[in-house]
Every structure is written in structure tokens, then in C-alpha cells.
Amino acid sequence: MDNLTVDLIDLFDAVCLAKNDLDWTLYTLQEIKEKVKALKEEATKHGMHEAYFHSLEQFTGILEYTMTLRSNYWEDEEIRIQNQLDKKEK
């Protein structure tokens, strides 16, 4: 039974690390989206058509959506494992 608790703790640590990495990735993607938006606005002022930025915006949007799904999954896993650990302590 002790091994199960240790394995759950190790799994919980791994899940927290994965979730943290995804949180940083989502933050970075948000920053990239803001920079692309600013760059697009500036380029438009200088006569460049905004269509040049559509594929980049589409790519970052898809990537953000995928990372959000993964982040939500790991958040649910974190809660599930924490609940199991809480039950073991009682």
C-alpha cells in the first residue's frame, strides 16, 4: 500500500510539471498572438495586406486550442490524483 502512495505522489508531481509546462506554453502563445496582432496592424499601416498574417494566426490559434485541451486534461488529472491522495491520508 505504501508503494501505491509513493507512485501516486510521483504521478502527481509529474502531472503538476506537465500542467506547469503547458501553462507556460499557453502564456507564450498568448504573447505571440499579441505580437503578431501588433505586427499586422503596423504592417497594414505601411500598405501590407493583412492576409499575409492569416496562416500565422490560424496556426497559433490551432496550437493554442490544442494546448488548452491538454492543459485541461492535466488539470483534471491533477485534481483526480489529489483526491486519491487525500483519501489515502484519511
N, C-alpha and C. Protein backbone atom coordinates (compact mmCIF):
# COMPACT_ATOMS: atom_id res chain seq x y z
N MET A 1 0.82 -1.19 0.00
CA MET A 1 0.00 0.00 0.00
C MET A 1 0.87 1.26 0.00
N ASP A 2 2.01 1.18 0.69
CA ASP A 2 2.90 2.34 0.71
C ASP A 2 3.45 2.64 -0.67
N ASN A 3 3.72 1.58 -1.45
CA ASN A 3 4.21 1.79 -2.81
C ASN A 3 3.18 2.51 -3.67
N LEU A 4 1.91 2.19 -3.45
CA LEU A 4 0.85 2.85 -4.20
C LEU A 4 0.82 4.34 -3.89
N THR A 5 1.01 4.69 -2.62
CA THR A 5 1.03 6.11 -2.24
C THR A 5 2.22 6.82 -2.86
N VAL A 6 3.38 6.17 -2.82
CA VAL A 6 4.58 6.76 -3.42
C VAL A 6 4.39 6.93 -4.93
N ASP A 7 3.83 5.91 -5.58
CA ASP A 7 3.57 6.00 -7.02
C ASP A 7 2.59 7.14 -7.34
N LEU A 8 1.57 7.29 -6.50
CA LEU A 8 0.61 8.38 -6.70
C LEU A 8 1.27 9.74 -6.52
N ILE A 9 2.15 9.83 -5.54
CA ILE A 9 2.86 11.09 -5.31
C ILE A 9 3.76 11.41 -6.50
N ASP A 10 4.48 10.39 -6.99
CA ASP A 10 5.33 10.59 -8.17
C ASP A 10 4.50 11.00 -9.39
N LEU A 11 3.36 10.33 -9.56
CA LEU A 11 2.47 10.66 -10.67
C LEU A 11 1.93 12.08 -10.52
N PHE A 12 1.56 12.44 -9.31
CA PHE A 12 1.05 13.79 -9.04
C PHE A 12 2.11 14.83 -9.38
N ASP A 13 3.36 14.58 -8.98
CA ASP A 13 4.45 15.50 -9.31
C ASP A 13 4.63 15.64 -10.81
N ALA A 14 4.58 14.51 -11.52
CA ALA A 14 4.74 14.54 -12.98
C ALA A 14 3.59 15.30 -13.64
N VAL A 15 2.38 15.09 -13.15
CA VAL A 15 1.22 15.78 -13.70
C VAL A 15 1.33 17.28 -13.46
N CYS A 16 1.76 17.66 -12.26
CA CYS A 16 1.92 19.09 -11.95
C CYS A 16 2.97 19.73 -12.85
N LEU A 17 4.07 19.01 -13.10
CA LEU A 17 5.10 19.54 -14.00
C LEU A 17 4.57 19.69 -15.42
N ALA A 18 3.84 18.69 -15.89
CA ALA A 18 3.26 18.76 -17.24
C ALA A 18 2.30 19.93 -17.34
N LYS A 19 1.46 20.09 -16.35
CA LYS A 19 0.49 21.20 -16.32
C LYS A 19 1.21 22.54 -16.30
N ASN A 20 2.26 22.64 -15.51
CA ASN A 20 3.03 23.88 -15.43
C ASN A 20 3.68 24.21 -16.77
N ASP A 21 4.25 23.21 -17.43
CA ASP A 21 4.85 23.42 -18.76
C ASP A 21 3.80 23.91 -19.76
N LEU A 22 2.63 23.31 -19.71
CA LEU A 22 1.56 23.74 -20.62
C LEU A 22 1.07 25.14 -20.30
N ASP A 23 1.03 25.49 -19.03
CA ASP A 23 0.64 26.85 -18.65
C ASP A 23 1.61 27.87 -19.23
N TRP A 24 2.91 27.56 -19.15
CA TRP A 24 3.91 28.46 -19.73
C TRP A 24 3.78 28.52 -21.25
N THR A 25 3.50 27.38 -21.86
CA THR A 25 3.31 27.35 -23.31
C THR A 25 2.12 28.21 -23.72
N LEU A 26 1.02 28.09 -22.98
CA LEU A 26 -0.16 28.91 -23.27
C LEU A 26 0.12 30.39 -23.08
N TYR A 27 0.87 30.71 -22.05
CA TYR A 27 1.25 32.12 -21.82
C TYR A 27 2.09 32.63 -23.00
N THR A 28 3.04 31.82 -23.43
CA THR A 28 3.91 32.21 -24.55
C THR A 28 3.10 32.38 -25.83
N LEU A 29 2.18 31.46 -26.08
CA LEU A 29 1.33 31.58 -27.26
C LEU A 29 0.49 32.85 -27.23
N GLN A 30 -0.01 33.20 -26.07
CA GLN A 30 -0.78 34.43 -25.93
C GLN A 30 0.09 35.64 -26.26
N GLU A 31 1.32 35.62 -25.78
CA GLU A 31 2.26 36.71 -26.08
C GLU A 31 2.55 36.78 -27.58
N ILE A 32 2.74 35.62 -28.20
CA ILE A 32 3.00 35.58 -29.64
C ILE A 32 1.80 36.13 -30.41
N LYS A 33 0.60 35.75 -30.00
CA LYS A 33 -0.60 36.26 -30.67
C LYS A 33 -0.69 37.78 -30.56
N GLU A 34 -0.35 38.32 -29.41
CA GLU A 34 -0.37 39.78 -29.24
C GLU A 34 0.66 40.45 -30.13
N LYS A 35 1.85 39.85 -30.22
CA LYS A 35 2.92 40.42 -31.07
C LYS A 35 2.53 40.35 -32.54
N VAL A 36 1.94 39.25 -32.96
CA VAL A 36 1.50 39.12 -34.36
C VAL A 36 0.43 40.15 -34.67
N LYS A 37 -0.49 40.34 -33.73
CA LYS A 37 -1.55 41.34 -33.93
C LYS A 37 -0.95 42.73 -34.09
N ALA A 38 0.00 43.08 -33.23
CA ALA A 38 0.65 44.39 -33.32
C ALA A 38 1.44 44.52 -34.62
N LEU A 39 2.13 43.46 -35.00
CA LEU A 39 2.90 43.47 -36.24
C LEU A 39 1.97 43.62 -37.45
N LYS A 40 0.85 42.92 -37.42
CA LYS A 40 -0.12 43.01 -38.51
C LYS A 40 -0.67 44.43 -38.62
N GLU A 41 -1.00 45.03 -37.50
CA GLU A 41 -1.52 46.40 -37.52
C GLU A 41 -0.48 47.37 -38.07
N GLU A 42 0.76 47.20 -37.67
CA GLU A 42 1.82 48.08 -38.16
C GLU A 42 2.07 47.86 -39.65
N ALA A 43 2.07 46.59 -40.07
CA ALA A 43 2.30 46.29 -41.49
C ALA A 43 1.16 46.83 -42.35
N THR A 44 -0.05 46.78 -41.84
CA THR A 44 -1.21 47.31 -42.57
C THR A 44 -1.06 48.81 -42.79
N LYS A 45 -0.52 49.50 -41.80
CA LYS A 45 -0.30 50.95 -41.93
C LYS A 45 0.67 51.26 -43.06
N HIS A 46 1.57 50.31 -43.34
CA HIS A 46 2.59 50.52 -44.37
C HIS A 46 2.22 49.85 -45.69
N GLY A 47 0.95 49.50 -45.83
CA GLY A 47 0.47 49.01 -47.12
C GLY A 47 0.52 47.50 -47.31
N MET A 48 0.95 46.75 -46.33
CA MET A 48 0.98 45.30 -46.46
C MET A 48 -0.41 44.75 -46.12
N HIS A 49 -0.91 43.87 -46.97
CA HIS A 49 -2.25 43.33 -46.75
C HIS A 49 -2.23 42.36 -45.56
N GLU A 50 -3.30 42.41 -44.76
CA GLU A 50 -3.35 41.57 -43.56
C GLU A 50 -3.47 40.08 -43.86
N ALA A 51 -3.79 39.73 -45.09
CA ALA A 51 -3.90 38.32 -45.48
C ALA A 51 -2.58 37.57 -45.29
N TYR A 52 -1.47 38.30 -45.33
CA TYR A 52 -0.16 37.68 -45.13
C TYR A 52 -0.05 37.06 -43.73
N PHE A 53 -0.87 37.49 -42.82
CA PHE A 53 -0.78 37.03 -41.44
C PHE A 53 -1.81 35.95 -41.09
N HIS A 54 -2.72 35.65 -42.00
CA HIS A 54 -3.79 34.71 -41.69
C HIS A 54 -3.26 33.32 -41.32
N SER A 55 -2.30 32.81 -42.07
CA SER A 55 -1.81 31.46 -41.79
C SER A 55 -1.11 31.40 -40.43
N LEU A 56 -0.38 32.45 -40.09
CA LEU A 56 0.28 32.50 -38.78
C LEU A 56 -0.75 32.59 -37.66
N GLU A 57 -1.77 33.39 -37.86
CA GLU A 57 -2.83 33.50 -36.85
C GLU A 57 -3.60 32.18 -36.72
N GLN A 58 -3.82 31.54 -37.84
CA GLN A 58 -4.52 30.26 -37.83
C GLN A 58 -3.68 29.21 -37.10
N PHE A 59 -2.40 29.16 -37.40
CA PHE A 59 -1.51 28.19 -36.77
C PHE A 59 -1.45 28.40 -35.26
N THR A 60 -1.27 29.65 -34.82
CA THR A 60 -1.19 29.90 -33.38
C THR A 60 -2.53 29.62 -32.71
N GLY A 61 -3.62 29.88 -33.40
CA GLY A 61 -4.94 29.58 -32.85
C GLY A 61 -5.16 28.08 -32.65
N ILE A 62 -4.77 27.30 -33.64
CA ILE A 62 -4.90 25.84 -33.54
C ILE A 62 -3.99 25.31 -32.44
N LEU A 63 -2.78 25.82 -32.39
CA LEU A 63 -1.83 25.38 -31.36
C LEU A 63 -2.34 25.74 -29.96
N GLU A 64 -2.88 26.93 -29.82
CA GLU A 64 -3.42 27.34 -28.52
C GLU A 64 -4.60 26.45 -28.12
N TYR A 65 -5.47 26.14 -29.06
CA TYR A 65 -6.61 25.27 -28.78
C TYR A 65 -6.14 23.89 -28.32
N THR A 66 -5.17 23.33 -29.03
CA THR A 66 -4.64 22.01 -28.68
C THR A 66 -4.00 22.02 -27.30
N MET A 67 -3.20 23.04 -27.03
CA MET A 67 -2.53 23.13 -25.73
C MET A 67 -3.54 23.36 -24.60
N THR A 68 -4.61 24.08 -24.88
CA THR A 68 -5.65 24.29 -23.87
C THR A 68 -6.34 22.98 -23.53
N LEU A 69 -6.63 22.17 -24.55
CA LEU A 69 -7.23 20.86 -24.29
C LEU A 69 -6.31 20.00 -23.43
N ARG A 70 -5.03 20.00 -23.76
CA ARG A 70 -4.07 19.22 -22.98
C ARG A 70 -3.97 19.75 -21.55
N SER A 71 -3.94 21.04 -21.42
CA SER A 71 -3.85 21.65 -20.10
C SER A 71 -5.07 21.29 -19.26
N ASN A 72 -6.25 21.33 -19.86
CA ASN A 72 -7.47 20.96 -19.14
C ASN A 72 -7.44 19.50 -18.72
N TYR A 73 -6.92 18.64 -19.59
CA TYR A 73 -6.80 17.22 -19.25
C TYR A 73 -5.91 17.04 -18.02
N TRP A 74 -4.73 17.68 -18.05
CA TRP A 74 -3.80 17.51 -16.93
C TRP A 74 -4.32 18.17 -15.66
N GLU A 75 -5.09 19.21 -15.80
CA GLU A 75 -5.71 19.83 -14.62
C GLU A 75 -6.70 18.85 -13.98
N ASP A 76 -7.50 18.19 -14.81
CA ASP A 76 -8.43 17.18 -14.29
C ASP A 76 -7.68 16.02 -13.64
N GLU A 77 -6.58 15.60 -14.27
CA GLU A 77 -5.76 14.53 -13.69
C GLU A 77 -5.18 14.95 -12.34
N GLU A 78 -4.72 16.17 -12.26
CA GLU A 78 -4.16 16.70 -11.02
C GLU A 78 -5.20 16.63 -9.90
N ILE A 79 -6.41 17.04 -10.20
CA ILE A 79 -7.49 17.01 -9.20
C ILE A 79 -7.83 15.57 -8.82
N ARG A 80 -7.90 14.69 -9.82
CA ARG A 80 -8.23 13.28 -9.57
C ARG A 80 -7.19 12.63 -8.65
N ILE A 81 -5.93 12.85 -8.95
CA ILE A 81 -4.86 12.25 -8.15
C ILE A 81 -4.83 12.86 -6.76
N GLN A 82 -5.03 14.17 -6.67
CA GLN A 82 -5.06 14.82 -5.36
C GLN A 82 -6.18 14.24 -4.50
N ASN A 83 -7.33 13.99 -5.10
CA ASN A 83 -8.44 13.37 -4.36
C ASN A 83 -8.07 11.97 -3.87
N GLN A 84 -7.37 11.20 -4.71
CA GLN A 84 -6.93 9.87 -4.30
C GLN A 84 -5.94 9.96 -3.14
N LEU A 85 -5.02 10.90 -3.24
CA LEU A 85 -4.04 11.07 -2.16
C LEU A 85 -4.72 11.51 -0.87
N ASP A 86 -5.71 12.38 -0.98
CA ASP A 86 -6.45 12.82 0.21
C ASP A 86 -7.18 11.66 0.87
N LYS A 87 -7.74 10.76 0.06
CA LYS A 87 -8.43 9.59 0.61
C LYS A 87 -7.45 8.65 1.32
N LYS A 88 -6.23 8.53 0.77
CA LYS A 88 -5.21 7.66 1.37
C LYS A 88 -4.77 8.18 2.74
N GLU A 89 -4.76 9.50 2.89
CA GLU A 89 -4.32 10.10 4.15
C GLU A 89 -5.34 9.93 5.26
N LYS A 90 -6.60 9.74 4.92
CA LYS A 90 -7.66 9.63 5.93
C LYS A 90 -7.69 8.30 6.59
